């Protein structure tokens, strides 16, 4: 009976540790995205409606950004190699089909 109890405790600690690590990583990415948007891209806090980091399959961690003047569009970013932000979405096809619709396409994508 003691072995079962200790196994459950160890399993709980492992699961709790993994969950905590992921939450810390997501919070860190959200903070870095805020800084990137405000410092690098000159946005104001009032321009941003939502910044939400998510854990998924590909990329493992990404950040979804919604701007107040485009509440129906989600811009998706990933932090590549812990060095630079890359805007993944909307896709290039969506941008080409809807010329002028998207107001917040990253400057790096337009070059």
PDB file of N, CA and C in Angstrom:
ATOM      1  N   UNK A   1       0.822  -1.192   0.000  1.00  0.00           N
ATOM      2  CA  UNK A   1       0.000   0.000   0.000  1.00  0.00           C
ATOM      3  C   UNK A   1       0.872   1.264   0.000  1.00  0.00           C
ATOM      4  N   UNK A   2       1.995   1.221   0.752  1.00  0.00           N
ATOM      5  CA  UNK A   2       2.891   2.373   0.795  1.00  0.00           C
ATOM      6  C   UNK A   2       3.502   2.641  -0.576  1.00  0.00           C
ATOM      7  N   UNK A   3       3.839   1.567  -1.303  1.00  0.00           N
ATOM      8  CA  UNK A   3       4.426   1.733  -2.635  1.00  0.00           C
ATOM      9  C   UNK A   3       3.457   2.458  -3.561  1.00  0.00           C
ATOM     10  N   UNK A   4       2.194   2.091  -3.509  1.00  0.00           N
ATOM     11  CA  UNK A   4       1.184   2.741  -4.341  1.00  0.00           C
ATOM     12  C   UNK A   4       1.063   4.218  -3.981  1.00  0.00           C
ATOM     13  N   UNK A   5       1.036   4.501  -2.701  1.00  0.00           N
ATOM     14  CA  UNK A   5       0.936   5.890  -2.246  1.00  0.00           C
ATOM     15  C   UNK A   5       2.126   6.701  -2.726  1.00  0.00           C
ATOM     16  N   UNK A   6       3.332   6.186  -2.554  1.00  0.00           N
ATOM     17  CA  UNK A   6       4.537   6.906  -2.985  1.00  0.00           C
ATOM     18  C   UNK A   6       4.573   7.058  -4.505  1.00  0.00           C
ATOM     19  N   UNK A   7       4.122   6.058  -5.226  1.00  0.00           N
ATOM     20  CA  UNK A   7       4.078   6.149  -6.690  1.00  0.00           C
ATOM     21  C   UNK A   7       3.132   7.261  -7.130  1.00  0.00           C
ATOM     22  N   UNK A   8       1.987   7.344  -6.475  1.00  0.00           N
ATOM     23  CA  UNK A   8       1.016   8.393  -6.800  1.00  0.00           C
ATOM     24  C   UNK A   8       1.582   9.772  -6.473  1.00  0.00           C
ATOM     25  N   UNK A   9       2.266   9.897  -5.346  1.00  0.00           N
ATOM     26  CA  UNK A   9       2.868  11.171  -4.955  1.00  0.00           C
ATOM     27  C   UNK A   9       3.938  11.585  -5.965  1.00  0.00           C
ATOM     28  N   UNK A  10       4.814  10.651  -6.351  1.00  0.00           N
ATOM     29  CA  UNK A  10       5.876  10.958  -7.311  1.00  0.00           C
ATOM     30  C   UNK A  10       5.275  11.338  -8.657  1.00  0.00           C
ATOM     31  N   UNK A  11       4.278  10.592  -9.107  1.00  0.00           N
ATOM     32  CA  UNK A  11       3.617  10.908 -10.368  1.00  0.00           C
ATOM     33  C   UNK A  11       2.970  12.297 -10.309  1.00  0.00           C
ATOM     34  N   UNK A  12       2.344  12.607  -9.198  1.00  0.00           N
ATOM     35  CA  UNK A  12       1.729  13.925  -9.020  1.00  0.00           C
ATOM     36  C   UNK A  12       2.760  15.041  -9.069  1.00  0.00           C
ATOM     37  N   UNK A  13       3.909  14.812  -8.441  1.00  0.00           N
ATOM     38  CA  UNK A  13       4.978  15.821  -8.472  1.00  0.00           C
ATOM     39  C   UNK A  13       5.519  16.026  -9.883  1.00  0.00           C
ATOM     40  N   UNK A  14       5.651  14.947 -10.631  1.00  0.00           N
ATOM     41  CA  UNK A  14       6.146  15.056 -12.002  1.00  0.00           C
ATOM     42  C   UNK A  14       5.148  15.827 -12.863  1.00  0.00           C
ATOM     43  N   UNK A  15       3.884  15.448 -12.791  1.00  0.00           N
ATOM     44  CA  UNK A  15       2.859  16.126 -13.580  1.00  0.00           C
ATOM     45  C   UNK A  15       2.770  17.598 -13.164  1.00  0.00           C
ATOM     46  N   UNK A  16       2.789  17.861 -11.874  1.00  0.00           N
ATOM     47  CA  UNK A  16       2.740  19.236 -11.381  1.00  0.00           C
ATOM     48  C   UNK A  16       3.940  20.047 -11.838  1.00  0.00           C
ATOM     49  N   UNK A  17       5.114  19.427 -11.849  1.00  0.00           N
ATOM     50  CA  UNK A  17       6.319  20.117 -12.299  1.00  0.00           C
ATOM     51  C   UNK A  17       6.269  20.462 -13.780  1.00  0.00           C
ATOM     52  N   UNK A  18       5.803  19.533 -14.590  1.00  0.00           N
ATOM     53  CA  UNK A  18       5.679  19.784 -16.029  1.00  0.00           C
ATOM     54  C   UNK A  18       4.654  20.893 -16.276  1.00  0.00           C
ATOM     55  N   UNK A  19       3.519  20.833 -15.613  1.00  0.00           N
ATOM     56  CA  UNK A  19       2.484  21.857 -15.764  1.00  0.00           C
ATOM     57  C   UNK A  19       3.027  23.231 -15.359  1.00  0.00           C
ATOM     58  N   UNK A  20       3.733  23.289 -14.243  1.00  0.00           N
ATOM     59  CA  UNK A  20       4.299  24.552 -13.770  1.00  0.00           C
ATOM     60  C   UNK A  20       5.317  25.100 -14.766  1.00  0.00           C
ATOM     61  N   UNK A  21       6.174  24.235 -15.301  1.00  0.00           N
ATOM     62  CA  UNK A  21       7.168  24.660 -16.285  1.00  0.00           C
ATOM     63  C   UNK A  21       6.486  25.270 -17.511  1.00  0.00           C
ATOM     64  N   UNK A  22       5.452  24.605 -18.018  1.00  0.00           N
ATOM     65  CA  UNK A  22       4.752  25.097 -19.199  1.00  0.00           C
ATOM     66  C   UNK A  22       4.107  26.450 -18.910  1.00  0.00           C
ATOM     67  N   UNK A  23       3.480  26.603 -17.752  1.00  0.00           N
ATOM     68  CA  UNK A  23       2.837  27.877 -17.400  1.00  0.00           C
ATOM     69  C   UNK A  23       3.856  29.007 -17.292  1.00  0.00           C
ATOM     70  N   UNK A  24       5.005  28.725 -16.701  1.00  0.00           N
ATOM     71  CA  UNK A  24       6.065  29.733 -16.595  1.00  0.00           C
ATOM     72  C   UNK A  24       6.553  30.135 -17.977  1.00  0.00           C
ATOM     73  N   UNK A  25       6.733  29.151 -18.855  1.00  0.00           N
ATOM     74  CA  UNK A  25       7.178  29.414 -20.228  1.00  0.00           C
ATOM     75  C   UNK A  25       6.154  30.272 -20.978  1.00  0.00           C
ATOM     76  N   UNK A  26       4.865  29.954 -20.838  1.00  0.00           N
ATOM     77  CA  UNK A  26       3.818  30.715 -21.514  1.00  0.00           C
ATOM     78  C   UNK A  26       3.770  32.165 -21.009  1.00  0.00           C
ATOM     79  N   UNK A  27       3.866  32.345 -19.700  1.00  0.00           N
ATOM     80  CA  UNK A  27       3.867  33.699 -19.127  1.00  0.00           C
ATOM     81  C   UNK A  27       5.075  34.501 -19.611  1.00  0.00           C
ATOM     82  N   UNK A  28       6.228  33.841 -19.694  1.00  0.00           N
ATOM     83  CA  UNK A  28       7.443  34.501 -20.173  1.00  0.00           C
ATOM     84  C   UNK A  28       7.292  34.933 -21.634  1.00  0.00           C
ATOM     85  N   UNK A  29       6.717  34.056 -22.461  1.00  0.00           N
ATOM     86  CA  UNK A  29       6.512  34.404 -23.866  1.00  0.00           C
ATOM     87  C   UNK A  29       5.550  35.577 -24.024  1.00  0.00           C
ATOM     88  N   UNK A  30       4.496  35.606 -23.228  1.00  0.00           N
ATOM     89  CA  UNK A  30       3.552  36.733 -23.292  1.00  0.00           C
ATOM     90  C   UNK A  30       4.243  38.044 -22.932  1.00  0.00           C
ATOM     91  N   UNK A  31       5.087  38.017 -21.906  1.00  0.00           N
ATOM     92  CA  UNK A  31       5.815  39.228 -21.514  1.00  0.00           C
ATOM     93  C   UNK A  31       6.787  39.663 -22.607  1.00  0.00           C
ATOM     94  N   UNK A  32       7.490  38.700 -23.212  1.00  0.00           N
ATOM     95  CA  UNK A  32       8.426  39.027 -24.290  1.00  0.00           C
ATOM     96  C   UNK A  32       7.696  39.569 -25.512  1.00  0.00           C
ATOM     97  N   UNK A  33       6.517  39.026 -25.798  1.00  0.00           N
ATOM     98  CA  UNK A  33       5.746  39.517 -26.943  1.00  0.00           C
ATOM     99  C   UNK A  33       5.288  40.951 -26.709  1.00  0.00           C
ATOM    100  N   UNK A  34       4.815  41.250 -25.494  1.00  0.00           N
ATOM    101  CA  UNK A  34       4.438  42.629 -25.170  1.00  0.00           C
ATOM    102  C   UNK A  34       5.617  43.569 -25.402  1.00  0.00           C
ATOM    103  N   UNK A  35       6.780  43.172 -24.925  1.00  0.00           N
ATOM    104  CA  UNK A  35       7.967  44.010 -25.091  1.00  0.00           C
ATOM    105  C   UNK A  35       8.305  44.171 -26.571  1.00  0.00           C
ATOM    106  N   UNK A  36       8.246  43.090 -27.325  1.00  0.00           N
ATOM    107  CA  UNK A  36       8.537  43.149 -28.761  1.00  0.00           C
ATOM    108  C   UNK A  36       7.582  44.102 -29.476  1.00  0.00           C
ATOM    109  N   UNK A  37       6.304  43.992 -29.173  1.00  0.00           N
ATOM    110  CA  UNK A  37       5.323  44.846 -29.842  1.00  0.00           C
ATOM    111  C   UNK A  37       5.516  46.316 -29.484  1.00  0.00           C
ATOM    112  N   UNK A  38       5.805  46.597 -28.227  1.00  0.00           N
ATOM    113  CA  UNK A  38       5.891  47.988 -27.795  1.00  0.00           C
ATOM    114  C   UNK A  38       7.255  48.617 -28.089  1.00  0.00           C
ATOM    115  N   UNK A  39       8.324  47.876 -27.918  1.00  0.00           N
ATOM    116  CA  UNK A  39       9.660  48.452 -28.115  1.00  0.00           C
ATOM    117  C   UNK A  39      10.081  48.386 -29.584  1.00  0.00           C
ATOM    118  N   UNK A  40       9.975  47.220 -30.187  1.00  0.00           N
ATOM    119  CA  UNK A  40      10.452  47.040 -31.556  1.00  0.00           C
ATOM    120  C   UNK A  40       9.481  47.597 -32.589  1.00  0.00           C
ATOM    121  N   UNK A  41       8.182  47.393 -32.360  1.00  0.00           N
ATOM    122  CA  UNK A  41       7.185  47.782 -33.365  1.00  0.00           C
ATOM    123  C   UNK A  41       6.404  49.036 -32.999  1.00  0.00           C
ATOM    124  N   UNK A  42       6.754  49.686 -31.909  1.00  0.00           N
ATOM    125  CA  UNK A  42       6.169  50.970 -31.501  1.00  0.00           C
ATOM    126  C   UNK A  42       4.650  50.958 -31.286  1.00  0.00           C
ATOM    127  N   UNK A  43       4.123  49.839 -30.803  1.00  0.00           N
ATOM    128  CA  UNK A  43       2.710  49.803 -30.425  1.00  0.00           C
ATOM    129  C   UNK A  43       2.560  50.330 -29.008  1.00  0.00           C
ATOM    130  N   UNK A  44       1.364  50.794 -28.701  1.00  0.00           N
ATOM    131  CA  UNK A  44       1.040  51.203 -27.336  1.00  0.00           C
ATOM    132  C   UNK A  44       0.211  50.097 -26.701  1.00  0.00           C
ATOM    133  N   UNK A  45       0.210  50.059 -25.393  1.00  0.00           N
ATOM    134  CA  UNK A  45      -0.595  49.069 -24.680  1.00  0.00           C
ATOM    135  C   UNK A  45      -2.065  49.178 -25.091  1.00  0.00           C
ATOM    136  N   UNK A  46      -2.502  50.393 -25.362  1.00  0.00           N
ATOM    137  CA  UNK A  46      -3.899  50.618 -25.745  1.00  0.00           C
ATOM    138  C   UNK A  46      -4.228  50.066 -27.139  1.00  0.00           C
ATOM    139  N   UNK A  47      -3.214  49.745 -27.954  1.00  0.00           N
ATOM    140  CA  UNK A  47      -3.445  49.175 -29.286  1.00  0.00           C
ATOM    141  C   UNK A  47      -3.737  47.676 -29.235  1.00  0.00           C
ATOM    142  N   UNK A  48      -3.356  47.043 -28.133  1.00  0.00           N
ATOM    143  CA  UNK A  48      -3.399  45.581 -28.037  1.00  0.00           C
ATOM    144  C   UNK A  48      -4.638  45.145 -27.253  1.00  0.00           C
ATOM    145  N   UNK A  49      -5.420  44.265 -27.854  1.00  0.00           N
ATOM    146  CA  UNK A  49      -6.594  43.729 -27.186  1.00  0.00           C
ATOM    147  C   UNK A  49      -6.236  42.501 -26.360  1.00  0.00           C
ATOM    148  N   UNK A  50      -5.431  41.594 -26.954  1.00  0.00           N
ATOM    149  CA  UNK A  50      -5.119  40.345 -26.251  1.00  0.00           C
ATOM    150  C   UNK A  50      -3.791  39.776 -26.729  1.00  0.00           C
ATOM    151  N   UNK A  51      -3.014  39.261 -25.792  1.00  0.00           N
ATOM    152  CA  UNK A  51      -1.803  38.505 -26.079  1.00  0.00           C
ATOM    153  C   UNK A  51      -1.919  37.218 -25.292  1.00  0.00           C
ATOM    154  N   UNK A  52      -1.891  36.092 -26.015  1.00  0.00           N
ATOM    155  CA  UNK A  52      -2.082  34.805 -25.342  1.00  0.00           C
ATOM    156  C   UNK A  52      -1.108  33.775 -25.897  1.00  0.00           C
ATOM    157  N   UNK A  53      -0.240  33.270 -25.047  1.00  0.00           N
ATOM    158  CA  UNK A  53       0.684  32.218 -25.436  1.00  0.00           C
ATOM    159  C   UNK A  53      -0.034  30.878 -25.319  1.00  0.00           C
ATOM    160  N   UNK A  54       0.266  29.983 -26.263  1.00  0.00           N
ATOM    161  CA  UNK A  54      -0.373  28.665 -26.273  1.00  0.00           C
ATOM    162  C   UNK A  54       0.673  27.576 -26.471  1.00  0.00           C
ATOM    163  N   UNK A  55       0.371  26.410 -25.924  1.00  0.00           N
ATOM    164  CA  UNK A  55       1.194  25.214 -26.073  1.00  0.00           C
ATOM    165  C   UNK A  55       0.496  24.331 -27.092  1.00  0.00           C
ATOM    166  N   UNK A  56       1.192  23.982 -28.181  1.00  0.00           N
ATOM    167  CA  UNK A  56       0.569  23.197 -29.235  1.00  0.00           C
ATOM    168  C   UNK A  56       1.587  22.249 -29.859  1.00  0.00           C
ATOM    169  N   UNK A  57       1.211  21.624 -30.959  1.00  0.00           N
ATOM    170  CA  UNK A  57       2.119  20.689 -31.624  1.00  0.00           C
ATOM    171  C   UNK A  57       3.202  21.417 -32.417  1.00  0.00           C
ATOM    172  N   UNK A  58       2.806  22.241 -33.368  1.00  0.00           N
ATOM    173  CA  UNK A  58       3.764  22.946 -34.217  1.00  0.00           C
ATOM    174  C   UNK A  58       3.345  24.384 -34.373  1.00  0.00           C
ATOM    175  N   UNK A  59       4.093  25.352 -34.036  1.00  0.00           N
ATOM    176  CA  UNK A  59       5.262  25.242 -33.164  1.00  0.00           C
ATOM    177  C   UNK A  59       4.817  24.904 -31.748  1.00  0.00           C
ATOM    178  N   UNK A  60       5.739  24.382 -30.973  1.00  0.00           N
ATOM    179  CA  UNK A  60       5.392  23.941 -29.620  1.00  0.00           C
ATOM    180  C   UNK A  60       4.823  25.083 -28.800  1.00  0.00           C
ATOM    181  N   UNK A  61       5.425  26.242 -28.890  1.00  0.00           N
ATOM    182  CA  UNK A  61       4.927  27.428 -28.201  1.00  0.00           C
ATOM    183  C   UNK A  61       4.697  28.524 -29.234  1.00  0.00           C
ATOM    184  N   UNK A  62       3.534  29.112 -29.201  1.00  0.00           N
ATOM    185  CA  UNK A  62       3.268  30.260 -30.072  1.00  0.00           C
ATOM    186  C   UNK A  62       2.467  31.286 -29.286  1.00  0.00           C
ATOM    187  N   UNK A  63       2.407  32.487 -29.829  1.00  0.00           N
ATOM    188  CA  UNK A  63       1.692  33.576 -29.163  1.00  0.00           C
ATOM    189  C   UNK A  63       0.697  34.167 -30.147  1.00  0.00           C
ATOM    190  N   UNK A  64      -0.556  34.242 -29.727  1.00  0.00           N
ATOM    191  CA  UNK A  64      -1.608  34.843 -30.531  1.00  0.00           C
ATOM    192  C   UNK A  64      -1.835  36.272 -30.056  1.00  0.00           C
ATOM    193  N   UNK A  65      -1.887  37.188 -31.016  1.00  0.00           N
ATOM    194  CA  UNK A  65      -2.072  38.606 -30.702  1.00  0.00           C
ATOM    195  C   UNK A  65      -3.295  39.113 -31.445  1.00  0.00           C
ATOM    196  N   UNK A  66      -4.166  39.820 -30.718  1.00  0.00           N
ATOM    197  CA  UNK A  66      -5.332  40.465 -31.322  1.00  0.00           C
ATOM    198  C   UNK A  66      -5.229  41.954 -31.006  1.00  0.00           C
ATOM    199  N   UNK A  67      -5.380  42.767 -32.040  1.00  0.00           N
ATOM    200  CA  UNK A  67      -5.312  44.215 -31.875  1.00  0.00           C
ATOM    201  C   UNK A  67      -6.722  44.799 -31.775  1.00  0.00           C
ATOM    202  N   UNK A  68      -6.846  45.897 -31.063  1.00  0.00           N
ATOM    203  CA  UNK A  68      -8.160  46.506 -30.836  1.00  0.00           C
ATOM    204  C   UNK A  68      -8.834  46.943 -32.130  1.00  0.00           C
ATOM    205  N   UNK A  69      -8.052  47.422 -33.099  1.00  0.00           N
ATOM    206  CA  UNK A  69      -8.666  47.883 -34.334  1.00  0.00           C
ATOM    207  C   UNK A  69      -8.948  46.756 -35.336  1.00  0.00           C
ATOM    208  N   UNK A  70      -8.569  45.521 -34.994  1.00  0.00           N
ATOM    209  CA  UNK A  70      -8.857  44.333 -35.801  1.00  0.00           C
ATOM    210  C   UNK A  70      -9.240  43.164 -34.880  1.00  0.00           C
ATOM    211  N   UNK A  71     -10.357  43.261 -34.194  1.00  0.00           N
ATOM    212  CA  UNK A  71     -10.690  42.230 -33.208  1.00  0.00           C
ATOM    213  C   UNK A  71     -11.017  40.861 -33.802  1.00  0.00           C
ATOM    214  N   UNK A  72     -11.241  40.793 -35.120  1.00  0.00           N
ATOM    215  CA  UNK A  72     -11.565  39.513 -35.755  1.00  0.00           C
ATOM    216  C   UNK A  72     -10.354  38.814 -36.364  1.00  0.00           C
ATOM    217  N   UNK A  73      -9.176  39.415 -36.245  1.00  0.00           N
ATOM    218  CA  UNK A  73      -7.962  38.844 -36.836  1.00  0.00           C
ATOM    219  C   UNK A  73      -6.991  38.473 -35.727  1.00  0.00           C
ATOM    220  N   UNK A  74      -6.476  37.247 -35.802  1.00  0.00           N
ATOM    221  CA  UNK A  74      -5.467  36.797 -34.847  1.00  0.00           C
ATOM    222  C   UNK A  74      -4.136  36.676 -35.567  1.00  0.00           C
ATOM    223  N   UNK A  75      -3.145  37.385 -35.069  1.00  0.00           N
ATOM    224  CA  UNK A  75      -1.791  37.311 -35.599  1.00  0.00           C
ATOM    225  C   UNK A  75      -1.025  36.317 -34.729  1.00  0.00           C
ATOM    226  N   UNK A  76      -0.384  35.350 -35.377  1.00  0.00           N
ATOM    227  CA  UNK A  76       0.305  34.288 -34.670  1.00  0.00           C
ATOM    228  C   UNK A  76       1.807  34.456 -34.823  1.00  0.00           C
ATOM    229  N   UNK A  77       2.527  34.387 -33.698  1.00  0.00           N
ATOM    230  CA  UNK A  77       3.982  34.549 -33.669  1.00  0.00           C
ATOM    231  C   UNK A  77       4.637  33.357 -32.979  1.00  0.00           C
ATOM    232  N   UNK A  78       5.895  33.114 -33.327  1.00  0.00           N
ATOM    233  CA  UNK A  78       6.710  32.163 -32.590  1.00  0.00           C
ATOM    234  C   UNK A  78       8.066  32.811 -32.331  1.00  0.00           C
ATOM    235  N   UNK A  79       8.694  32.405 -31.227  1.00  0.00           N
ATOM    236  CA  UNK A  79       9.995  32.956 -30.836  1.00  0.00           C
ATOM    237  C   UNK A  79      11.053  31.964 -31.275  1.00  0.00           C
ATOM    238  N   UNK A  80      11.623  32.180 -32.447  1.00  0.00           N
ATOM    239  CA  UNK A  80      12.533  31.233 -33.064  1.00  0.00           C
ATOM    240  C   UNK A  80      13.921  31.282 -32.429  1.00  0.00           C
ATOM    241  N   UNK A  81      14.386  30.137 -31.976  1.00  0.00           N
ATOM    242  CA  UNK A  81      15.733  29.973 -31.409  1.00  0.00           C
ATOM    243  C   UNK A  81      16.031  30.939 -30.271  1.00  0.00           C
ATOM    244  N   UNK A  82      14.978  31.380 -29.575  1.00  0.00           N
ATOM    245  CA  UNK A  82      15.139  32.328 -28.466  1.00  0.00           C
ATOM    246  C   UNK A  82      15.860  33.605 -28.900  1.00  0.00           C
ATOM    247  N   UNK A  83      15.787  33.923 -30.206  1.00  0.00           N
ATOM    248  CA  UNK A  83      16.487  35.096 -30.730  1.00  0.00           C
ATOM    249  C   UNK A  83      15.577  36.120 -31.377  1.00  0.00           C
ATOM    250  N   UNK A  84      14.571  35.647 -32.135  1.00  0.00           N
ATOM    251  CA  UNK A  84      13.746  36.594 -32.874  1.00  0.00           C
ATOM    252  C   UNK A  84      12.312  36.107 -32.986  1.00  0.00           C
ATOM    253  N   UNK A  85      11.401  37.077 -33.059  1.00  0.00           N
ATOM    254  CA  UNK A  85       9.989  36.777 -33.262  1.00  0.00           C
ATOM    255  C   UNK A  85       9.719  36.647 -34.752  1.00  0.00           C
ATOM    256  N   UNK A  86       8.970  35.612 -35.113  1.00  0.00           N
ATOM    257  CA  UNK A  86       8.562  35.385 -36.491  1.00  0.00           C
ATOM    258  C   UNK A  86       7.036  35.367 -36.530  1.00  0.00           C
ATOM    259  N   UNK A  87       6.453  36.178 -37.387  1.00  0.00           N
ATOM    260  CA  UNK A  87       4.996  36.190 -37.527  1.00  0.00           C
ATOM    261  C   UNK A  87       4.601  35.072 -38.489  1.00  0.00           C
ATOM    262  N   UNK A  88       3.775  34.150 -38.002  1.00  0.00           N
ATOM    263  CA  UNK A  88       3.357  32.999 -38.803  1.00  0.00           C
ATOM    264  C   UNK A  88       2.000  33.212 -39.472  1.00  0.00           C
ATOM    265  N   UNK A  89       1.134  33.912 -38.835  1.00  0.00           N
ATOM    266  CA  UNK A  89      -0.216  34.057 -39.370  1.00  0.00           C
ATOM    267  C   UNK A  89      -0.681  35.470 -39.212  1.00  0.00           C
ATOM    268  N   UNK A  90      -1.538  35.924 -40.072  1.00  0.00           N
ATOM    269  CA  UNK A  90      -2.209  35.202 -41.141  1.00  0.00           C
ATOM    270  C   UNK A  90      -1.207  34.716 -42.192  1.00  0.00           C
ATOM    271  N   UNK A  91      -1.630  33.703 -42.936  1.00  0.00           N
ATOM    272  CA  UNK A  91      -0.735  33.112 -43.929  1.00  0.00           C
ATOM    273  C   UNK A  91      -0.502  34.077 -45.091  1.00  0.00           C
ATOM    274  N   UNK A  92       0.567  33.815 -45.840  1.00  0.00           N
ATOM    275  CA  UNK A  92       0.878  34.658 -46.999  1.00  0.00           C
ATOM    276  C   UNK A  92      -0.265  34.630 -48.006  1.00  0.00           C
ATOM    277  N   UNK A  93      -0.906  33.480 -48.183  1.00  0.00           N
ATOM    278  CA  UNK A  93      -2.035  33.372 -49.107  1.00  0.00           C
ATOM    279  C   UNK A  93      -3.195  34.253 -48.686  1.00  0.00           C
ATOM    280  N   UNK A  94      -3.500  34.255 -47.387  1.00  0.00           N
ATOM    281  CA  UNK A  94      -4.580  35.100 -46.878  1.00  0.00           C
ATOM    282  C   UNK A  94      -4.251  36.576 -47.091  1.00  0.00           C
ATOM    283  N   UNK A  95      -3.007  36.936 -46.888  1.00  0.00           N
ATOM    284  CA  UNK A  95      -2.587  38.334 -47.052  1.00  0.00           C
ATOM    285  C   UNK A  95      -2.737  38.753 -48.517  1.00  0.00           C
ATOM    286  N   UNK A  96      -2.299  37.890 -49.442  1.00  0.00           N
ATOM    287  CA  UNK A  96      -2.395  38.221 -50.862  1.00  0.00           C
ATOM    288  C   UNK A  96      -3.846  38.311 -51.328  1.00  0.00           C
ATOM    289  N   UNK A  97      -4.695  37.406 -50.839  1.00  0.00           N
ATOM    290  CA  UNK A  97      -6.112  37.418 -51.223  1.00  0.00           C
ATOM    291  C   UNK A  97      -6.842  38.643 -50.702  1.00  0.00           C
ATOM    292  N   UNK A  98      -6.443  39.137 -49.575  1.00  0.00           N
ATOM    293  CA  UNK A  98      -7.127  40.248 -48.912  1.00  0.00           C
ATOM    294  C   UNK A  98      -6.226  41.466 -48.819  1.00  0.00           C
ATOM    295  N   UNK A  99      -5.755  41.937 -49.952  1.00  0.00           N
ATOM    296  CA  UNK A  99      -4.857  43.094 -49.984  1.00  0.00           C
ATOM    297  C   UNK A  99      -5.432  44.250 -49.173  1.00  0.00           C
ATOM    298  N   UNK A 100      -4.661  44.744 -48.245  1.00  0.00           N
ATOM    299  CA  UNK A 100      -5.060  45.900 -47.461  1.00  0.00           C
ATOM    300  C   UNK A 100      -5.933  45.594 -46.260  1.00  0.00           C
ATOM    301  N   UNK A 101      -6.386  44.353 -46.113  1.00  0.00           N
ATOM    302  CA  UNK A 101      -7.267  44.016 -44.988  1.00  0.00           C
ATOM    303  C   UNK A 101      -6.493  43.978 -43.674  1.00  0.00           C
ATOM    304  N   UNK A 102      -5.293  43.435 -43.716  1.00  0.00           N
ATOM    305  CA  UNK A 102      -4.516  43.245 -42.499  1.00  0.00           C
ATOM    306  C   UNK A 102      -3.649  44.469 -42.223  1.00  0.00           C
ATOM    307  N   UNK A 103      -3.849  45.073 -41.060  1.00  0.00           N
ATOM    308  CA  UNK A 103      -3.155  46.307 -40.713  1.00  0.00           C
ATOM    309  C   UNK A 103      -1.841  46.077 -39.965  1.00  0.00           C
ATOM    310  N   UNK A 104      -1.649  44.891 -39.417  1.00  0.00           N
ATOM    311  CA  UNK A 104      -0.519  44.677 -38.515  1.00  0.00           C
ATOM    312  C   UNK A 104       0.429  43.577 -38.990  1.00  0.00           C
ATOM    313  N   UNK A 105       0.649  43.514 -40.286  1.00  0.00           N
ATOM    314  CA  UNK A 105       1.615  42.559 -40.817  1.00  0.00           C
ATOM    315  C   UNK A 105       3.006  43.022 -40.396  1.00  0.00           C
ATOM    316  N   UNK A 106       3.789  42.090 -39.864  1.00  0.00           N
ATOM    317  CA  UNK A 106       5.124  42.421 -39.379  1.00  0.00           C
ATOM    318  C   UNK A 106       5.987  42.961 -40.519  1.00  0.00           C
ATOM    319  N   UNK A 107       6.746  43.997 -40.229  1.00  0.00           N
ATOM    320  CA  UNK A 107       7.593  44.648 -41.231  1.00  0.00           C
ATOM    321  C   UNK A 107       8.552  43.661 -41.896  1.00  0.00           C
ATOM    322  N   UNK A 108       9.044  42.684 -41.129  1.00  0.00           N
ATOM    323  CA  UNK A 108       9.970  41.698 -41.684  1.00  0.00           C
ATOM    324  C   UNK A 108       9.321  40.873 -42.778  1.00  0.00           C
ATOM    325  N   UNK A 109       8.010  40.633 -42.697  1.00  0.00           N
ATOM    326  CA  UNK A 109       7.303  39.829 -43.705  1.00  0.00           C
ATOM    327  C   UNK A 109       7.104  40.609 -44.990  1.00  0.00           C
ATOM    328  N   UNK A 110       7.083  41.913 -44.914  1.00  0.00           N
ATOM    329  CA  UNK A 110       6.823  42.725 -46.101  1.00  0.00           C
ATOM    330  C   UNK A 110       8.053  42.918 -46.968  1.00  0.00           C
ATOM    331  N   UNK A 111       9.224  42.626 -46.448  1.00  0.00           N
ATOM    332  CA  UNK A 111      10.479  42.795 -47.222  1.00  0.00           C
ATOM    333  C   UNK A 111      10.710  41.642 -48.145  1.00  0.00           C
TER     334      UNK A 111
END
